[in-house]
Amino acid sequence: MQAYCMKCRTKREMRDAKSVTMKNGRPATKGVCPVCGTKMFRIGKS
């Protein structure tokens, strides 16, 4: 799944992507940028 990396300022494929549920009940995906190692987060169904 692709997400926007705030550090690289580009869309990249997430590494170690995991589906999570936010406090308000909405689905989201957490992962890591494969280039710089920054945490990535994408709201919405994975």
PDB file of N, CA and C in Angstrom:
ATOM      1  N   MET A   1       0.837  -1.182   0.000  1.00  0.00           N
ATOM      2  CA  MET A   1       0.000   0.000   0.000  1.00  0.00           C
ATOM      3  C   MET A   1       0.882   1.245   0.000  1.00  0.00           C
ATOM      4  N   GLN A   2       0.477   2.244  -0.744  1.00  0.00           N
ATOM      5  CA  GLN A   2       1.244   3.475  -0.819  1.00  0.00           C
ATOM      6  C   GLN A   2       0.747   4.485   0.205  1.00  0.00           C
ATOM      7  N   ALA A   3       1.677   5.286   0.716  1.00  0.00           N
ATOM      8  CA  ALA A   3       1.352   6.371   1.634  1.00  0.00           C
ATOM      9  C   ALA A   3       2.353   7.494   1.403  1.00  0.00           C
ATOM     10  N   TYR A   4       2.029   8.679   1.900  1.00  0.00           N
ATOM     11  CA  TYR A   4       2.897   9.842   1.722  1.00  0.00           C
ATOM     12  C   TYR A   4       3.917   9.899   2.851  1.00  0.00           C
ATOM     13  N   CYS A   5       5.192  10.000   2.483  1.00  0.00           N
ATOM     14  CA  CYS A   5       6.263  10.140   3.484  1.00  0.00           C
ATOM     15  C   CYS A   5       6.513  11.620   3.706  1.00  0.00           C
ATOM     16  N   MET A   6       6.361  12.075   4.938  1.00  0.00           N
ATOM     17  CA  MET A   6       6.530  13.492   5.254  1.00  0.00           C
ATOM     18  C   MET A   6       7.990  13.933   5.131  1.00  0.00           C
ATOM     19  N   LYS A   7       8.913  13.030   5.380  1.00  0.00           N
ATOM     20  CA  LYS A   7      10.331  13.376   5.318  1.00  0.00           C
ATOM     21  C   LYS A   7      10.830  13.423   3.870  1.00  0.00           C
ATOM     22  N   CYS A   8      10.489  12.421   3.070  1.00  0.00           N
ATOM     23  CA  CYS A   8      10.911  12.368   1.660  1.00  0.00           C
ATOM     24  C   CYS A   8      10.051  13.263   0.765  1.00  0.00           C
ATOM     25  N   ARG A   9       8.843  13.577   1.234  1.00  0.00           N
ATOM     26  CA  ARG A   9       7.868  14.366   0.484  1.00  0.00           C
ATOM     27  C   ARG A   9       7.461  13.721  -0.839  1.00  0.00           C
ATOM     28  N   THR A  10       7.302  12.398  -0.810  1.00  0.00           N
ATOM     29  CA  THR A  10       6.829  11.655  -1.977  1.00  0.00           C
ATOM     30  C   THR A  10       5.948  10.499  -1.501  1.00  0.00           C
ATOM     31  N   LYS A  11       5.184   9.953  -2.427  1.00  0.00           N
ATOM     32  CA  LYS A  11       4.407   8.751  -2.126  1.00  0.00           C
ATOM     33  C   LYS A  11       5.314   7.554  -2.319  1.00  0.00           C
ATOM     34  N   ARG A  12       5.296   6.653  -1.354  1.00  0.00           N
ATOM     35  CA  ARG A  12       6.114   5.446  -1.429  1.00  0.00           C
ATOM     36  C   ARG A  12       5.315   4.249  -0.955  1.00  0.00           C
ATOM     37  N   GLU A  13       5.797   3.078  -1.337  1.00  0.00           N
ATOM     38  CA  GLU A  13       5.192   1.825  -0.884  1.00  0.00           C
ATOM     39  C   GLU A  13       5.586   1.604   0.579  1.00  0.00           C
ATOM     40  N   MET A  14       4.605   1.353   1.440  1.00  0.00           N
ATOM     41  CA  MET A  14       4.871   1.146   2.867  1.00  0.00           C
ATOM     42  C   MET A  14       5.528  -0.201   3.123  1.00  0.00           C
ATOM     43  N   ARG A  15       6.463  -0.223   4.059  1.00  0.00           N
ATOM     44  CA  ARG A  15       7.078  -1.477   4.500  1.00  0.00           C
ATOM     45  C   ARG A  15       6.490  -1.821   5.869  1.00  0.00           C
ATOM     46  N   ASP A  16       6.300  -3.091   6.143  1.00  0.00           N
ATOM     47  CA  ASP A  16       5.723  -3.560   7.416  1.00  0.00           C
ATOM     48  C   ASP A  16       4.352  -2.940   7.679  1.00  0.00           C
ATOM     49  N   ALA A  17       3.511  -2.889   6.663  1.00  0.00           N
ATOM     50  CA  ALA A  17       2.180  -2.289   6.799  1.00  0.00           C
ATOM     51  C   ALA A  17       1.287  -3.138   7.690  1.00  0.00           C
ATOM     52  N   LYS A  18       0.608  -2.494   8.648  1.00  0.00           N
ATOM     53  CA  LYS A  18      -0.299  -3.172   9.568  1.00  0.00           C
ATOM     54  C   LYS A  18      -1.607  -2.402   9.621  1.00  0.00           C
ATOM     55  N   SER A  19      -2.716  -3.129   9.595  1.00  0.00           N
ATOM     56  CA  SER A  19      -4.027  -2.501   9.734  1.00  0.00           C
ATOM     57  C   SER A  19      -4.281  -2.198  11.203  1.00  0.00           C
ATOM     58  N   VAL A  20      -4.739  -0.985  11.481  1.00  0.00           N
ATOM     59  CA  VAL A  20      -5.062  -0.567  12.843  1.00  0.00           C
ATOM     60  C   VAL A  20      -6.417   0.130  12.843  1.00  0.00           C
ATOM     61  N   THR A  21      -6.976   0.297  14.020  1.00  0.00           N
ATOM     62  CA  THR A  21      -8.214   1.036  14.183  1.00  0.00           C
ATOM     63  C   THR A  21      -7.929   2.231  15.082  1.00  0.00           C
ATOM     64  N   MET A  22      -8.313   3.413  14.625  1.00  0.00           N
ATOM     65  CA  MET A  22      -8.082   4.623  15.413  1.00  0.00           C
ATOM     66  C   MET A  22      -9.079   4.696  16.569  1.00  0.00           C
ATOM     67  N   LYS A  23      -8.864   5.628  17.489  1.00  0.00           N
ATOM     68  CA  LYS A  23      -9.723   5.766  18.662  1.00  0.00           C
ATOM     69  C   LYS A  23     -11.183   5.998  18.301  1.00  0.00           C
ATOM     70  N   ASN A  24     -11.418   6.703  17.182  1.00  0.00           N
ATOM     71  CA  ASN A  24     -12.792   7.006  16.783  1.00  0.00           C
ATOM     72  C   ASN A  24     -13.429   5.866  15.987  1.00  0.00           C
ATOM     73  N   GLY A  25     -12.706   4.747  15.800  1.00  0.00           N
ATOM     74  CA  GLY A  25     -13.255   3.569  15.148  1.00  0.00           C
ATOM     75  C   GLY A  25     -12.971   3.464  13.655  1.00  0.00           C
ATOM     76  N   ARG A  26     -12.341   4.472  13.070  1.00  0.00           N
ATOM     77  CA  ARG A  26     -12.041   4.430  11.640  1.00  0.00           C
ATOM     78  C   ARG A  26     -10.811   3.565  11.382  1.00  0.00           C
ATOM     79  N   PRO A  27     -10.805   2.850  10.254  1.00  0.00           N
ATOM     80  CA  PRO A  27      -9.637   2.021   9.920  1.00  0.00           C
ATOM     81  C   PRO A  27      -8.482   2.863   9.399  1.00  0.00           C
ATOM     82  N   ALA A  28      -7.270   2.371   9.603  1.00  0.00           N
ATOM     83  CA  ALA A  28      -6.072   3.057   9.122  1.00  0.00           C
ATOM     84  C   ALA A  28      -4.969   2.023   8.922  1.00  0.00           C
ATOM     85  N   THR A  29      -3.860   2.463   8.321  1.00  0.00           N
ATOM     86  CA  THR A  29      -2.710   1.590   8.090  1.00  0.00           C
ATOM     87  C   THR A  29      -1.454   2.281   8.562  1.00  0.00           C
ATOM     88  N   LYS A  30      -0.631   1.551   9.318  1.00  0.00           N
ATOM     89  CA  LYS A  30       0.648   2.066   9.794  1.00  0.00           C
ATOM     90  C   LYS A  30       1.761   1.317   9.091  1.00  0.00           C
ATOM     91  N   GLY A  31       2.881   2.001   8.844  1.00  0.00           N
ATOM     92  CA  GLY A  31       4.018   1.355   8.209  1.00  0.00           C
ATOM     93  C   GLY A  31       5.269   2.184   8.362  1.00  0.00           C
ATOM     94  N   VAL A  32       6.307   1.808   7.612  1.00  0.00           N
ATOM     95  CA  VAL A  32       7.596   2.478   7.674  1.00  0.00           C
ATOM     96  C   VAL A  32       8.046   2.786   6.250  1.00  0.00           C
ATOM     97  N   CYS A  33       8.672   3.941   6.063  1.00  0.00           N
ATOM     98  CA  CYS A  33       9.212   4.315   4.755  1.00  0.00           C
ATOM     99  C   CYS A  33      10.439   3.449   4.468  1.00  0.00           C
ATOM    100  N   PRO A  34      10.498   2.803   3.301  1.00  0.00           N
ATOM    101  CA  PRO A  34      11.630   1.929   2.989  1.00  0.00           C
ATOM    102  C   PRO A  34      12.929   2.686   2.732  1.00  0.00           C
ATOM    103  N   VAL A  35      12.857   3.990   2.440  1.00  0.00           N
ATOM    104  CA  VAL A  35      14.055   4.772   2.128  1.00  0.00           C
ATOM    105  C   VAL A  35      14.657   5.409   3.377  1.00  0.00           C
ATOM    106  N   CYS A  36      13.834   6.169   4.132  1.00  0.00           N
ATOM    107  CA  CYS A  36      14.384   6.923   5.270  1.00  0.00           C
ATOM    108  C   CYS A  36      14.041   6.319   6.634  1.00  0.00           C
ATOM    109  N   GLY A  37      13.087   5.376   6.683  1.00  0.00           N
ATOM    110  CA  GLY A  37      12.757   4.724   7.951  1.00  0.00           C
ATOM    111  C   GLY A  37      11.757   5.479   8.810  1.00  0.00           C
ATOM    112  N   THR A  38      11.174   6.559   8.286  1.00  0.00           N
ATOM    113  CA  THR A  38      10.192   7.341   9.025  1.00  0.00           C
ATOM    114  C   THR A  38       8.865   6.588   9.083  1.00  0.00           C
ATOM    115  N   LYS A  39       8.132   6.764  10.185  1.00  0.00           N
ATOM    116  CA  LYS A  39       6.817   6.139  10.305  1.00  0.00           C
ATOM    117  C   LYS A  39       5.867   6.769   9.302  1.00  0.00           C
ATOM    118  N   MET A  40       5.019   5.920   8.688  1.00  0.00           N
ATOM    119  CA  MET A  40       4.023   6.390   7.735  1.00  0.00           C
ATOM    120  C   MET A  40       2.641   5.992   8.245  1.00  0.00           C
ATOM    121  N   PHE A  41       1.636   6.773   7.891  1.00  0.00           N
ATOM    122  CA  PHE A  41       0.282   6.530   8.381  1.00  0.00           C
ATOM    123  C   PHE A  41      -0.694   6.906   7.285  1.00  0.00           C
ATOM    124  N   ARG A  42      -1.659   6.034   7.034  1.00  0.00           N
ATOM    125  CA  ARG A  42      -2.671   6.322   6.023  1.00  0.00           C
ATOM    126  C   ARG A  42      -4.045   5.977   6.569  1.00  0.00           C
ATOM    127  N   ILE A  43      -4.943   6.961   6.530  1.00  0.00           N
ATOM    128  CA  ILE A  43      -6.299   6.760   7.006  1.00  0.00           C
ATOM    129  C   ILE A  43      -7.140   6.160   5.893  1.00  0.00           C
ATOM    130  N   GLY A  44      -7.957   5.192   6.236  1.00  0.00           N
ATOM    131  CA  GLY A  44      -8.841   4.558   5.262  1.00  0.00           C
ATOM    132  C   GLY A  44      -8.633   3.066   5.232  1.00  0.00           C
ATOM    133  N   LYS A  45      -9.564   2.381   4.581  1.00  0.00           N
ATOM    134  CA  LYS A  45      -9.523   0.930   4.507  1.00  0.00           C
ATOM    135  C   LYS A  45      -8.282   0.464   3.763  1.00  0.00           C
ATOM    136  N   SER A  46      -7.624  -0.563   4.299  1.00  0.00           N
ATOM    137  CA  SER A  46      -6.376  -1.047   3.676  1.00  0.00           C
ATOM    138  C   SER A  46      -6.610  -2.162   2.691  1.00  0.00           C
TER     139      SER A  46
END
